[in-house]
Amino acid sequence: MFRITNNRKKAELALGFRISEEELTDILSGSPGQKNRQLASLVFIWQGKIESIKLDLLKDMNATQDPKEIKIFT
């Protein structure tokens, strides 16, 4: 799950995959092991999407938008 919080309101988005805390630590270490490389790719793709959404919201002056509406962008 990915949680979006904006103006003290929250929305959650299912990413479509599960990872353990150990896998996430390995992925975020910068050099994931062979076993976690595919998961790392998925995480980095989502990070890119999230950054793109944030930039679009700021550019369009929608930074105060409700998180449930932000969820639609994904």
PDB file of N, CA and C in Angstrom:
ATOM      1  N   MET A   1       0.832  -1.185   0.000  1.00  0.00           N
ATOM      2  CA  MET A   1       0.000   0.000   0.000  1.00  0.00           C
ATOM      3  C   MET A   1       0.877   1.249   0.000  1.00  0.00           C
ATOM      4  N   PHE A   2       0.393   2.203  -0.693  1.00  0.00           N
ATOM      5  CA  PHE A   2       1.044   3.504  -0.705  1.00  0.00           C
ATOM      6  C   PHE A   2       0.038   4.483  -0.135  1.00  0.00           C
ATOM      7  N   ARG A   3       0.432   5.222   0.868  1.00  0.00           N
ATOM      8  CA  ARG A   3      -0.468   6.173   1.514  1.00  0.00           C
ATOM      9  C   ARG A   3      -0.138   7.584   1.045  1.00  0.00           C
ATOM     10  N   ILE A   4      -1.175   8.286   0.606  1.00  0.00           N
ATOM     11  CA  ILE A   4      -1.051   9.682   0.202  1.00  0.00           C
ATOM     12  C   ILE A   4      -1.666  10.520   1.313  1.00  0.00           C
ATOM     13  N   THR A   5      -0.910  11.478   1.824  1.00  0.00           N
ATOM     14  CA  THR A   5      -1.416  12.382   2.849  1.00  0.00           C
ATOM     15  C   THR A   5      -1.249  13.810   2.348  1.00  0.00           C
ATOM     16  N   ASN A   6      -2.323  14.556   2.388  1.00  0.00           N
ATOM     17  CA  ASN A   6      -2.285  15.953   1.975  1.00  0.00           C
ATOM     18  C   ASN A   6      -3.317  16.708   2.790  1.00  0.00           C
ATOM     19  N   ASN A   7      -2.905  17.795   3.402  1.00  0.00           N
ATOM     20  CA  ASN A   7      -3.804  18.607   4.234  1.00  0.00           C
ATOM     21  C   ASN A   7      -4.510  17.757   5.296  1.00  0.00           C
ATOM     22  N   ARG A   8      -3.745  16.884   5.914  1.00  0.00           N
ATOM     23  CA  ARG A   8      -4.226  16.010   6.996  1.00  0.00           C
ATOM     24  C   ARG A   8      -5.299  15.019   6.559  1.00  0.00           C
ATOM     25  N   LYS A   9      -5.472  14.817   5.274  1.00  0.00           N
ATOM     26  CA  LYS A   9      -6.391  13.814   4.744  1.00  0.00           C
ATOM     27  C   LYS A   9      -5.551  12.713   4.114  1.00  0.00           C
ATOM     28  N   LYS A  10      -6.053  11.466   4.181  1.00  0.00           N
ATOM     29  CA  LYS A  10      -5.283  10.329   3.692  1.00  0.00           C
ATOM     30  C   LYS A  10      -6.076   9.523   2.666  1.00  0.00           C
ATOM     31  N   ALA A  11      -5.340   8.901   1.763  1.00  0.00           N
ATOM     32  CA  ALA A  11      -5.899   7.941   0.815  1.00  0.00           C
ATOM     33  C   ALA A  11      -4.837   6.869   0.615  1.00  0.00           C
ATOM     34  N   GLU A  12      -5.272   5.639   0.352  1.00  0.00           N
ATOM     35  CA  GLU A  12      -4.329   4.542   0.139  1.00  0.00           C
ATOM     36  C   GLU A  12      -4.506   3.967  -1.248  1.00  0.00           C
ATOM     37  N   LEU A  13      -3.403   3.522  -1.820  1.00  0.00           N
ATOM     38  CA  LEU A  13      -3.369   2.984  -3.167  1.00  0.00           C
ATOM     39  C   LEU A  13      -2.637   1.650  -3.135  1.00  0.00           C
ATOM     40  N   ALA A  14      -3.279   0.598  -3.632  1.00  0.00           N
ATOM     41  CA  ALA A  14      -2.627  -0.710  -3.714  1.00  0.00           C
ATOM     42  C   ALA A  14      -1.661  -0.697  -4.891  1.00  0.00           C
ATOM     43  N   LEU A  15      -0.424  -1.111  -4.653  1.00  0.00           N
ATOM     44  CA  LEU A  15       0.591  -1.088  -5.696  1.00  0.00           C
ATOM     45  C   LEU A  15       0.616  -2.369  -6.535  1.00  0.00           C
ATOM     46  N   GLY A  16      -0.033  -3.418  -6.063  1.00  0.00           N
ATOM     47  CA  GLY A  16      -0.116  -4.639  -6.847  1.00  0.00           C
ATOM     48  C   GLY A  16       0.976  -5.654  -6.550  1.00  0.00           C
ATOM     49  N   PHE A  17       1.766  -5.421  -5.523  1.00  0.00           N
ATOM     50  CA  PHE A  17       2.781  -6.392  -5.126  1.00  0.00           C
ATOM     51  C   PHE A  17       3.064  -6.234  -3.644  1.00  0.00           C
ATOM     52  N   ARG A  18       3.634  -7.280  -3.056  1.00  0.00           N
ATOM     53  CA  ARG A  18       3.973  -7.269  -1.628  1.00  0.00           C
ATOM     54  C   ARG A  18       5.468  -7.497  -1.465  1.00  0.00           C
ATOM     55  N   ILE A  19       6.042  -6.790  -0.507  1.00  0.00           N
ATOM     56  CA  ILE A  19       7.446  -7.025  -0.172  1.00  0.00           C
ATOM     57  C   ILE A  19       7.594  -6.987   1.345  1.00  0.00           C
ATOM     58  N   SER A  20       8.543  -7.757   1.816  1.00  0.00           N
ATOM     59  CA  SER A  20       8.798  -7.786   3.256  1.00  0.00           C
ATOM     60  C   SER A  20       9.678  -6.595   3.637  1.00  0.00           C
ATOM     61  N   GLU A  21       9.781  -6.365   4.930  1.00  0.00           N
ATOM     62  CA  GLU A  21      10.627  -5.275   5.424  1.00  0.00           C
ATOM     63  C   GLU A  21      12.089  -5.507   5.021  1.00  0.00           C
ATOM     64  N   GLU A  22      12.531  -6.765   5.072  1.00  0.00           N
ATOM     65  CA  GLU A  22      13.913  -7.090   4.697  1.00  0.00           C
ATOM     66  C   GLU A  22      14.148  -6.835   3.211  1.00  0.00           C
ATOM     67  N   GLU A  23      13.164  -7.204   2.366  1.00  0.00           N
ATOM     68  CA  GLU A  23      13.288  -6.959   0.929  1.00  0.00           C
ATOM     69  C   GLU A  23      13.341  -5.462   0.648  1.00  0.00           C
ATOM     70  N   LEU A  24      12.498  -4.697   1.326  1.00  0.00           N
ATOM     71  CA  LEU A  24      12.483  -3.248   1.122  1.00  0.00           C
ATOM     72  C   LEU A  24      13.817  -2.625   1.538  1.00  0.00           C
ATOM     73  N   THR A  25      14.364  -3.075   2.651  1.00  0.00           N
ATOM     74  CA  THR A  25      15.661  -2.566   3.101  1.00  0.00           C
ATOM     75  C   THR A  25      16.725  -2.858   2.052  1.00  0.00           C
ATOM     76  N   ASP A  26      16.702  -4.066   1.500  1.00  0.00           N
ATOM     77  CA  ASP A  26      17.670  -4.441   0.467  1.00  0.00           C
ATOM     78  C   ASP A  26      17.485  -3.585  -0.785  1.00  0.00           C
ATOM     79  N   ILE A  27      16.227  -3.393  -1.188  1.00  0.00           N
ATOM     80  CA  ILE A  27      15.932  -2.601  -2.387  1.00  0.00           C
ATOM     81  C   ILE A  27      16.404  -1.163  -2.226  1.00  0.00           C
ATOM     82  N   LEU A  28      16.138  -0.570  -1.073  1.00  0.00           N
ATOM     83  CA  LEU A  28      16.491   0.829  -0.847  1.00  0.00           C
ATOM     84  C   LEU A  28      17.959   1.035  -0.523  1.00  0.00           C
ATOM     85  N   SER A  29      18.714  -0.049  -0.388  1.00  0.00           N
ATOM     86  CA  SER A  29      20.141   0.053  -0.079  1.00  0.00           C
ATOM     87  C   SER A  29      20.944   0.620  -1.247  1.00  0.00           C
ATOM     88  N   GLY A  30      20.358   0.597  -2.432  1.00  0.00           N
ATOM     89  CA  GLY A  30      21.068   1.117  -3.594  1.00  0.00           C
ATOM     90  C   GLY A  30      21.662   0.038  -4.468  1.00  0.00           C
ATOM     91  N   SER A  31      21.910  -1.123  -3.911  1.00  0.00           N
ATOM     92  CA  SER A  31      22.432  -2.248  -4.701  1.00  0.00           C
ATOM     93  C   SER A  31      21.735  -3.532  -4.243  1.00  0.00           C
ATOM     94  N   PRO A  32      20.486  -3.721  -4.703  1.00  0.00           N
ATOM     95  CA  PRO A  32      19.727  -4.885  -4.265  1.00  0.00           C
ATOM     96  C   PRO A  32      20.361  -6.185  -4.745  1.00  0.00           C
ATOM     97  N   GLY A  33      20.156  -7.214  -3.951  1.00  0.00           N
ATOM     98  CA  GLY A  33      20.658  -8.524  -4.334  1.00  0.00           C
ATOM     99  C   GLY A  33      19.924  -9.054  -5.549  1.00  0.00           C
ATOM    100  N   GLN A  34      20.465 -10.103  -6.123  1.00  0.00           N
ATOM    101  CA  GLN A  34      19.891 -10.719  -7.321  1.00  0.00           C
ATOM    102  C   GLN A  34      18.406 -11.032  -7.141  1.00  0.00           C
ATOM    103  N   LYS A  35      18.064 -11.540  -5.976  1.00  0.00           N
ATOM    104  CA  LYS A  35      16.691 -11.947  -5.669  1.00  0.00           C
ATOM    105  C   LYS A  35      15.709 -10.767  -5.713  1.00  0.00           C
ATOM    106  N   ASN A  36      16.154  -9.571  -5.382  1.00  0.00           N
ATOM    107  CA  ASN A  36      15.258  -8.417  -5.256  1.00  0.00           C
ATOM    108  C   ASN A  36      15.341  -7.421  -6.405  1.00  0.00           C
ATOM    109  N   ARG A  37      16.064  -7.722  -7.444  1.00  0.00           N
ATOM    110  CA  ARG A  37      16.225  -6.747  -8.539  1.00  0.00           C
ATOM    111  C   ARG A  37      14.922  -6.447  -9.259  1.00  0.00           C
ATOM    112  N   GLN A  38      14.094  -7.459  -9.471  1.00  0.00           N
ATOM    113  CA  GLN A  38      12.821  -7.222 -10.141  1.00  0.00           C
ATOM    114  C   GLN A  38      11.901  -6.368  -9.274  1.00  0.00           C
ATOM    115  N   LEU A  39      11.860  -6.670  -7.977  1.00  0.00           N
ATOM    116  CA  LEU A  39      11.062  -5.841  -7.062  1.00  0.00           C
ATOM    117  C   LEU A  39      11.600  -4.414  -7.021  1.00  0.00           C
ATOM    118  N   ALA A  40      12.915  -4.274  -7.058  1.00  0.00           N
ATOM    119  CA  ALA A  40      13.525  -2.940  -7.053  1.00  0.00           C
ATOM    120  C   ALA A  40      13.053  -2.141  -8.264  1.00  0.00           C
ATOM    121  N   SER A  41      12.959  -2.797  -9.414  1.00  0.00           N
ATOM    122  CA  SER A  41      12.483  -2.114 -10.618  1.00  0.00           C
ATOM    123  C   SER A  41      11.066  -1.598 -10.422  1.00  0.00           C
ATOM    124  N   LEU A  42      10.196  -2.435  -9.835  1.00  0.00           N
ATOM    125  CA  LEU A  42       8.818  -2.000  -9.577  1.00  0.00           C
ATOM    126  C   LEU A  42       8.775  -0.814  -8.617  1.00  0.00           C
ATOM    127  N   VAL A  43       9.562  -0.874  -7.560  1.00  0.00           N
ATOM    128  CA  VAL A  43       9.597   0.219  -6.581  1.00  0.00           C
ATOM    129  C   VAL A  43      10.077   1.505  -7.242  1.00  0.00           C
ATOM    130  N   PHE A  44      11.112   1.433  -8.065  1.00  0.00           N
ATOM    131  CA  PHE A  44      11.646   2.637  -8.697  1.00  0.00           C
ATOM    132  C   PHE A  44      10.677   3.201  -9.743  1.00  0.00           C
ATOM    133  N   ILE A  45       9.935   2.321 -10.418  1.00  0.00           N
ATOM    134  CA  ILE A  45       8.908   2.788 -11.360  1.00  0.00           C
ATOM    135  C   ILE A  45       7.847   3.583 -10.601  1.00  0.00           C
ATOM    136  N   TRP A  46       7.387   3.039  -9.461  1.00  0.00           N
ATOM    137  CA  TRP A  46       6.387   3.748  -8.658  1.00  0.00           C
ATOM    138  C   TRP A  46       6.936   5.046  -8.096  1.00  0.00           C
ATOM    139  N   GLN A  47       8.193   5.059  -7.696  1.00  0.00           N
ATOM    140  CA  GLN A  47       8.790   6.300  -7.197  1.00  0.00           C
ATOM    141  C   GLN A  47       8.776   7.364  -8.289  1.00  0.00           C
ATOM    142  N   GLY A  48       9.074   6.974  -9.515  1.00  0.00           N
ATOM    143  CA  GLY A  48       9.039   7.905 -10.638  1.00  0.00           C
ATOM    144  C   GLY A  48       7.644   8.440 -10.890  1.00  0.00           C
ATOM    145  N   LYS A  49       6.643   7.546 -10.845  1.00  0.00           N
ATOM    146  CA  LYS A  49       5.256   7.974 -11.036  1.00  0.00           C
ATOM    147  C   LYS A  49       4.837   8.967  -9.954  1.00  0.00           C
ATOM    148  N   ILE A  50       5.209   8.674  -8.732  1.00  0.00           N
ATOM    149  CA  ILE A  50       4.840   9.530  -7.601  1.00  0.00           C
ATOM    150  C   ILE A  50       5.480  10.906  -7.739  1.00  0.00           C
ATOM    151  N   GLU A  51       6.741  10.949  -8.100  1.00  0.00           N
ATOM    152  CA  GLU A  51       7.415  12.240  -8.300  1.00  0.00           C
ATOM    153  C   GLU A  51       6.764  13.029  -9.431  1.00  0.00           C
ATOM    154  N   SER A  52       6.383  12.346 -10.495  1.00  0.00           N
ATOM    155  CA  SER A  52       5.724  13.005 -11.622  1.00  0.00           C
ATOM    156  C   SER A  52       4.384  13.609 -11.193  1.00  0.00           C
ATOM    157  N   ILE A  53       3.622  12.852 -10.405  1.00  0.00           N
ATOM    158  CA  ILE A  53       2.340  13.355  -9.906  1.00  0.00           C
ATOM    159  C   ILE A  53       2.558  14.573  -9.022  1.00  0.00           C
ATOM    160  N   LYS A  54       3.553  14.510  -8.134  1.00  0.00           N
ATOM    161  CA  LYS A  54       3.835  15.658  -7.260  1.00  0.00           C
ATOM    162  C   LYS A  54       4.183  16.892  -8.070  1.00  0.00           C
ATOM    163  N   LEU A  55       5.030  16.724  -9.079  1.00  0.00           N
ATOM    164  CA  LEU A  55       5.413  17.875  -9.905  1.00  0.00           C
ATOM    165  C   LEU A  55       4.216  18.437 -10.665  1.00  0.00           C
ATOM    166  N   ASP A  56       3.370  17.557 -11.200  1.00  0.00           N
ATOM    167  CA  ASP A  56       2.174  18.020 -11.913  1.00  0.00           C
ATOM    168  C   ASP A  56       1.247  18.801 -10.990  1.00  0.00           C
ATOM    169  N   LEU A  57       1.065  18.312  -9.761  1.00  0.00           N
ATOM    170  CA  LEU A  57       0.200  19.014  -8.811  1.00  0.00           C
ATOM    171  C   LEU A  57       0.754  20.388  -8.470  1.00  0.00           C
ATOM    172  N   LEU A  58       2.060  20.469  -8.268  1.00  0.00           N
ATOM    173  CA  LEU A  58       2.669  21.762  -7.959  1.00  0.00           C
ATOM    174  C   LEU A  58       2.603  22.711  -9.150  1.00  0.00           C
ATOM    175  N   LYS A  59       2.866  22.173 -10.343  1.00  0.00           N
ATOM    176  CA  LYS A  59       2.849  22.990 -11.553  1.00  0.00           C
ATOM    177  C   LYS A  59       1.457  23.553 -11.815  1.00  0.00           C
ATOM    178  N   ASP A  60       0.434  22.730 -11.597  1.00  0.00           N
ATOM    179  CA  ASP A  60      -0.941  23.149 -11.856  1.00  0.00           C
ATOM    180  C   ASP A  60      -1.585  23.848 -10.666  1.00  0.00           C
ATOM    181  N   MET A  61      -0.776  24.112  -9.632  1.00  0.00           N
ATOM    182  CA  MET A  61      -1.253  24.791  -8.431  1.00  0.00           C
ATOM    183  C   MET A  61      -2.376  24.006  -7.742  1.00  0.00           C
ATOM    184  N   ASN A  62      -2.270  22.677  -7.767  1.00  0.00           N
ATOM    185  CA  ASN A  62      -3.275  21.829  -7.128  1.00  0.00           C
ATOM    186  C   ASN A  62      -2.717  21.159  -5.881  1.00  0.00           C
ATOM    187  N   ALA A  63      -1.753  21.770  -5.250  1.00  0.00           N
ATOM    188  CA  ALA A  63      -1.103  21.166  -4.091  1.00  0.00           C
ATOM    189  C   ALA A  63      -2.063  20.966  -2.923  1.00  0.00           C
ATOM    190  N   THR A  64      -3.196  21.630  -2.941  1.00  0.00           N
ATOM    191  CA  THR A  64      -4.165  21.470  -1.852  1.00  0.00           C
ATOM    192  C   THR A  64      -5.250  20.458  -2.205  1.00  0.00           C
ATOM    193  N   GLN A  65      -5.089  19.763  -3.309  1.00  0.00           N
ATOM    194  CA  GLN A  65      -6.091  18.811  -3.772  1.00  0.00           C
ATOM    195  C   GLN A  65      -6.291  17.665  -2.769  1.00  0.00           C
ATOM    196  N   ASP A  66      -7.511  17.148  -2.708  1.00  0.00           N
ATOM    197  CA  ASP A  66      -7.842  16.039  -1.814  1.00  0.00           C
ATOM    198  C   ASP A  66      -7.077  14.784  -2.256  1.00  0.00           C
ATOM    199  N   PRO A  67      -6.519  14.027  -1.318  1.00  0.00           N
ATOM    200  CA  PRO A  67      -5.753  12.831  -1.670  1.00  0.00           C
ATOM    201  C   PRO A  67      -6.546  11.803  -2.480  1.00  0.00           C
ATOM    202  N   LYS A  68      -7.847  11.710  -2.253  1.00  0.00           N
ATOM    203  CA  LYS A  68      -8.642  10.756  -3.025  1.00  0.00           C
ATOM    204  C   LYS A  68      -8.692  11.145  -4.493  1.00  0.00           C
ATOM    205  N   GLU A  69      -8.618  12.422  -4.787  1.00  0.00           N
ATOM    206  CA  GLU A  69      -8.555  12.887  -6.171  1.00  0.00           C
ATOM    207  C   GLU A  69      -7.161  12.637  -6.750  1.00  0.00           C
ATOM    208  N   ILE A  70      -6.142  12.772  -5.921  1.00  0.00           N
ATOM    209  CA  ILE A  70      -4.769  12.524  -6.369  1.00  0.00           C
ATOM    210  C   ILE A  70      -4.622  11.061  -6.779  1.00  0.00           C
ATOM    211  N   LYS A  71      -5.294  10.170  -6.087  1.00  0.00           N
ATOM    212  CA  LYS A  71      -5.245   8.741  -6.374  1.00  0.00           C
ATOM    213  C   LYS A  71      -5.615   8.450  -7.822  1.00  0.00           C
ATOM    214  N   ILE A  72      -6.499   9.239  -8.390  1.00  0.00           N
ATOM    215  CA  ILE A  72      -6.973   9.032  -9.762  1.00  0.00           C
ATOM    216  C   ILE A  72      -5.828   9.210 -10.766  1.00  0.00           C
ATOM    217  N   PHE A  73      -4.863  10.067 -10.472  1.00  0.00           N
ATOM    218  CA  PHE A  73      -3.743  10.307 -11.376  1.00  0.00           C
ATOM    219  C   PHE A  73      -2.927   9.045 -11.641  1.00  0.00           C
ATOM    220  N   THR A  74      -2.916   8.127 -10.672  1.00  0.00           N
ATOM    221  CA  THR A  74      -2.091   6.943 -10.802  1.00  0.00           C
ATOM    222  C   THR A  74      -2.790   5.954 -11.668  1.00  0.00           C
TER     223      THR A  74
END
